[in-house]
Structures are given as C-alpha cells and as structure tokens.
C-alpha cells in the first residue's frame, strides 16, 4: 500500500517536473536561437 502511493506520487512529480522543464526550456531555447541568429547576421 505504501509503495503504491509512493509510486503514484513519484509519477505525479515526474509529470510536473516534465511540464516545468518544458516551460523553462522552450523560452530559453528560443532566446538562445534568436541571439545566435542576430550574432551571425552581425558577423556578415
């Protein structure tokens, strides 16, 4: 019984962590890509 609740809690935390990870990573990736593009354009 305790292991079942622990497993469900871990599964819920993993889903929350995945959503949080995606929410943080998406704007950071976009910002880095835009910065890279602007730097490359300036180099030309």
PDB file of N, CA and C in Angstrom:
ATOM      1  N   UNK A   1       0.844  -1.203   0.000  1.00  0.00           N
ATOM      2  CA  UNK A   1       0.000   0.000   0.000  1.00  0.00           C
ATOM      3  C   UNK A   1       0.877   1.250   0.000  1.00  0.00           C
ATOM      4  N   UNK A   2       1.894   1.283   0.857  1.00  0.00           N
ATOM      5  CA  UNK A   2       2.767   2.453   0.932  1.00  0.00           C
ATOM      6  C   UNK A   2       3.554   2.619  -0.373  1.00  0.00           C
ATOM      7  N   UNK A   3       3.994   1.489  -0.940  1.00  0.00           N
ATOM      8  CA  UNK A   3       4.765   1.565  -2.184  1.00  0.00           C
ATOM      9  C   UNK A   3       3.897   2.078  -3.329  1.00  0.00           C
ATOM     10  N   UNK A   4       2.604   1.710  -3.325  1.00  0.00           N
ATOM     11  CA  UNK A   4       1.706   2.171  -4.387  1.00  0.00           C
ATOM     12  C   UNK A   4       1.532   3.684  -4.333  1.00  0.00           C
ATOM     13  N   UNK A   5       1.317   4.233  -3.139  1.00  0.00           N
ATOM     14  CA  UNK A   5       1.139   5.675  -3.013  1.00  0.00           C
ATOM     15  C   UNK A   5       2.440   6.401  -3.360  1.00  0.00           C
ATOM     16  N   UNK A   6       3.559   5.824  -2.979  1.00  0.00           N
ATOM     17  CA  UNK A   6       4.859   6.419  -3.302  1.00  0.00           C
ATOM     18  C   UNK A   6       5.076   6.442  -4.812  1.00  0.00           C
ATOM     19  N   UNK A   7       4.718   5.332  -5.484  1.00  0.00           N
ATOM     20  CA  UNK A   7       4.880   5.256  -6.936  1.00  0.00           C
ATOM     21  C   UNK A   7       4.007   6.283  -7.631  1.00  0.00           C
ATOM     22  N   UNK A   8       2.769   6.442  -7.178  1.00  0.00           N
ATOM     23  CA  UNK A   8       1.873   7.418  -7.801  1.00  0.00           C
ATOM     24  C   UNK A   8       2.363   8.839  -7.538  1.00  0.00           C
ATOM     25  N   UNK A   9       2.921   9.078  -6.354  1.00  0.00           N
ATOM     26  CA  UNK A   9       3.457  10.401  -6.034  1.00  0.00           C
ATOM     27  C   UNK A   9       4.661  10.715  -6.920  1.00  0.00           C
ATOM     28  N   UNK A  10       5.530   9.738  -7.132  1.00  0.00           N
ATOM     29  CA  UNK A  10       6.694   9.928  -7.997  1.00  0.00           C
ATOM     30  C   UNK A  10       6.246  10.186  -9.435  1.00  0.00           C
ATOM     31  N   UNK A  11       5.241   9.437  -9.902  1.00  0.00           N
ATOM     32  CA  UNK A  11       4.733   9.617 -11.263  1.00  0.00           C
ATOM     33  C   UNK A  11       4.153  11.014 -11.431  1.00  0.00           C
ATOM     34  N   UNK A  12       3.401  11.489 -10.430  1.00  0.00           N
ATOM     35  CA  UNK A  12       2.828  12.830 -10.486  1.00  0.00           C
ATOM     36  C   UNK A  12       3.928  13.887 -10.477  1.00  0.00           C
ATOM     37  N   UNK A  13       4.962  13.683  -9.673  1.00  0.00           N
ATOM     38  CA  UNK A  13       6.066  14.636  -9.604  1.00  0.00           C
ATOM     39  C   UNK A  13       6.837  14.658 -10.921  1.00  0.00           C
ATOM     40  N   UNK A  14       7.008  13.489 -11.546  1.00  0.00           N
ATOM     41  CA  UNK A  14       7.718  13.429 -12.833  1.00  0.00           C
ATOM     42  C   UNK A  14       6.956  14.200 -13.901  1.00  0.00           C
ATOM     43  N   UNK A  15       5.632  14.075 -13.915  1.00  0.00           N
ATOM     44  CA  UNK A  15       4.813  14.806 -14.889  1.00  0.00           C
ATOM     45  C   UNK A  15       4.939  16.304 -14.653  1.00  0.00           C
ATOM     46  N   UNK A  16       4.861  16.728 -13.383  1.00  0.00           N
ATOM     47  CA  UNK A  16       5.002  18.137 -13.034  1.00  0.00           C
ATOM     48  C   UNK A  16       6.395  18.652 -13.407  1.00  0.00           C
ATOM     49  N   UNK A  17       7.419  17.848 -13.128  1.00  0.00           N
ATOM     50  CA  UNK A  17       8.793  18.244 -13.458  1.00  0.00           C
ATOM     51  C   UNK A  17       8.969  18.345 -14.964  1.00  0.00           C
ATOM     52  N   UNK A  18       8.355  17.442 -15.710  1.00  0.00           N
ATOM     53  CA  UNK A  18       8.450  17.489 -17.171  1.00  0.00           C
ATOM     54  C   UNK A  18       7.798  18.736 -17.744  1.00  0.00           C
ATOM     55  N   UNK A  19       6.627  19.102 -17.214  1.00  0.00           N
ATOM     56  CA  UNK A  19       5.934  20.317 -17.670  1.00  0.00           C
ATOM     57  C   UNK A  19       6.766  21.544 -17.324  1.00  0.00           C
ATOM     58  N   UNK A  20       7.288  21.577 -16.104  1.00  0.00           N
ATOM     59  CA  UNK A  20       8.115  22.707 -15.666  1.00  0.00           C
ATOM     60  C   UNK A  20       9.376  22.805 -16.523  1.00  0.00           C
ATOM     61  N   UNK A  21      10.001  21.659 -16.804  1.00  0.00           N
ATOM     62  CA  UNK A  21      11.209  21.616 -17.626  1.00  0.00           C
ATOM     63  C   UNK A  21      10.937  22.170 -19.019  1.00  0.00           C
ATOM     64  N   UNK A  22       9.820  21.736 -19.623  1.00  0.00           N
ATOM     65  CA  UNK A  22       9.455  22.211 -20.964  1.00  0.00           C
ATOM     66  C   UNK A  22       9.144  23.707 -20.940  1.00  0.00           C
ATOM     67  N   UNK A  23       8.434  24.162 -19.898  1.00  0.00           N
ATOM     68  CA  UNK A  23       8.062  25.571 -19.793  1.00  0.00           C
ATOM     69  C   UNK A  23       9.290  26.464 -19.633  1.00  0.00           C
ATOM     70  N   UNK A  24      10.321  25.962 -18.959  1.00  0.00           N
ATOM     71  CA  UNK A  24      11.557  26.732 -18.787  1.00  0.00           C
ATOM     72  C   UNK A  24      12.422  26.638 -20.039  1.00  0.00           C
ATOM     73  N   UNK A  25      12.524  25.426 -20.599  1.00  0.00           N
ATOM     74  CA  UNK A  25      13.453  25.190 -21.705  1.00  0.00           C
ATOM     75  C   UNK A  25      13.018  25.873 -23.002  1.00  0.00           C
ATOM     76  N   UNK A  26      11.709  25.919 -23.278  1.00  0.00           N
ATOM     77  CA  UNK A  26      11.236  26.478 -24.547  1.00  0.00           C
ATOM     78  C   UNK A  26      11.637  27.953 -24.730  1.00  0.00           C
ATOM     79  N   UNK A  27      11.333  28.863 -23.776  1.00  0.00           N
ATOM     80  CA  UNK A  27      11.751  30.261 -23.960  1.00  0.00           C
ATOM     81  C   UNK A  27      13.268  30.436 -23.977  1.00  0.00           C
ATOM     82  N   UNK A  28      13.982  29.633 -23.177  1.00  0.00           N
ATOM     83  CA  UNK A  28      15.446  29.730 -23.155  1.00  0.00           C
ATOM     84  C   UNK A  28      16.019  29.330 -24.510  1.00  0.00           C
ATOM     85  N   UNK A  29      15.503  28.239 -25.077  1.00  0.00           N
ATOM     86  CA  UNK A  29      15.971  27.784 -26.391  1.00  0.00           C
ATOM     87  C   UNK A  29      15.667  28.821 -27.458  1.00  0.00           C
ATOM     88  N   UNK A  30      14.468  29.389 -27.429  1.00  0.00           N
ATOM     89  CA  UNK A  30      14.094  30.427 -28.396  1.00  0.00           C
ATOM     90  C   UNK A  30      15.001  31.646 -28.263  1.00  0.00           C
ATOM     91  N   UNK A  31      15.272  32.070 -27.030  1.00  0.00           N
ATOM     92  CA  UNK A  31      16.122  33.240 -26.798  1.00  0.00           C
ATOM     93  C   UNK A  31      17.540  32.989 -27.302  1.00  0.00           C
ATOM     94  N   UNK A  32      18.097  31.805 -27.008  1.00  0.00           N
ATOM     95  CA  UNK A  32      19.451  31.474 -27.475  1.00  0.00           C
ATOM     96  C   UNK A  32      19.505  31.403 -28.991  1.00  0.00           C
ATOM     97  N   UNK A  33      18.460  30.845 -29.619  1.00  0.00           N
ATOM     98  CA  UNK A  33      18.429  30.736 -31.084  1.00  0.00           C
ATOM     99  C   UNK A  33      18.363  32.116 -31.717  1.00  0.00           C
ATOM    100  N   UNK A  34      17.530  32.997 -31.153  1.00  0.00           N
ATOM    101  CA  UNK A  34      17.430  34.359 -31.682  1.00  0.00           C
ATOM    102  C   UNK A  34      18.753  35.106 -31.491  1.00  0.00           C
ATOM    103  N   UNK A  35      19.386  34.925 -30.337  1.00  0.00           N
ATOM    104  CA  UNK A  35      20.678  35.567 -30.074  1.00  0.00           C
ATOM    105  C   UNK A  35      21.720  35.066 -31.070  1.00  0.00           C
ATOM    106  N   UNK A  36      21.747  33.758 -31.316  1.00  0.00           N
ATOM    107  CA  UNK A  36      22.685  33.172 -32.278  1.00  0.00           C
ATOM    108  C   UNK A  36      22.451  33.734 -33.673  1.00  0.00           C
ATOM    109  N   UNK A  37      21.173  33.842 -34.074  1.00  0.00           N
ATOM    110  CA  UNK A  37      20.854  34.384 -35.401  1.00  0.00           C
ATOM    111  C   UNK A  37      21.298  35.837 -35.530  1.00  0.00           C
ATOM    112  N   UNK A  38      21.043  36.644 -34.495  1.00  0.00           N
ATOM    113  CA  UNK A  38      21.415  38.060 -34.555  1.00  0.00           C
ATOM    114  C   UNK A  38      22.938  38.218 -34.566  1.00  0.00           C
ATOM    115  N   UNK A  39      23.650  37.385 -33.808  1.00  0.00           N
ATOM    116  CA  UNK A  39      25.119  37.435 -33.796  1.00  0.00           C
ATOM    117  C   UNK A  39      25.666  37.057 -35.174  1.00  0.00           C
ATOM    118  N   UNK A  40      25.089  36.005 -35.778  1.00  0.00           N
ATOM    119  CA  UNK A  40      25.555  35.556 -37.091  1.00  0.00           C
ATOM    120  C   UNK A  40      25.283  36.613 -38.144  1.00  0.00           C
ATOM    121  N   UNK A  41      24.110  37.280 -38.058  1.00  0.00           N
ATOM    122  CA  UNK A  41      23.768  38.322 -39.022  1.00  0.00           C
ATOM    123  C   UNK A  41      24.738  39.507 -38.881  1.00  0.00           C
ATOM    124  N   UNK A  42      25.111  39.825 -37.623  1.00  0.00           N
ATOM    125  CA  UNK A  42      26.034  40.929 -37.376  1.00  0.00           C
ATOM    126  C   UNK A  42      27.425  40.586 -37.946  1.00  0.00           C
ATOM    127  N   UNK A  43      27.790  39.287 -37.860  1.00  0.00           N
ATOM    128  CA  UNK A  43      29.085  38.850 -38.382  1.00  0.00           C
ATOM    129  C   UNK A  43      29.181  39.048 -39.897  1.00  0.00           C
ATOM    130  N   UNK A  44      28.079  38.815 -40.597  1.00  0.00           N
ATOM    131  CA  UNK A  44      28.081  39.025 -42.047  1.00  0.00           C
ATOM    132  C   UNK A  44      28.182  40.518 -42.324  1.00  0.00           C
TER     133      UNK A  44
END
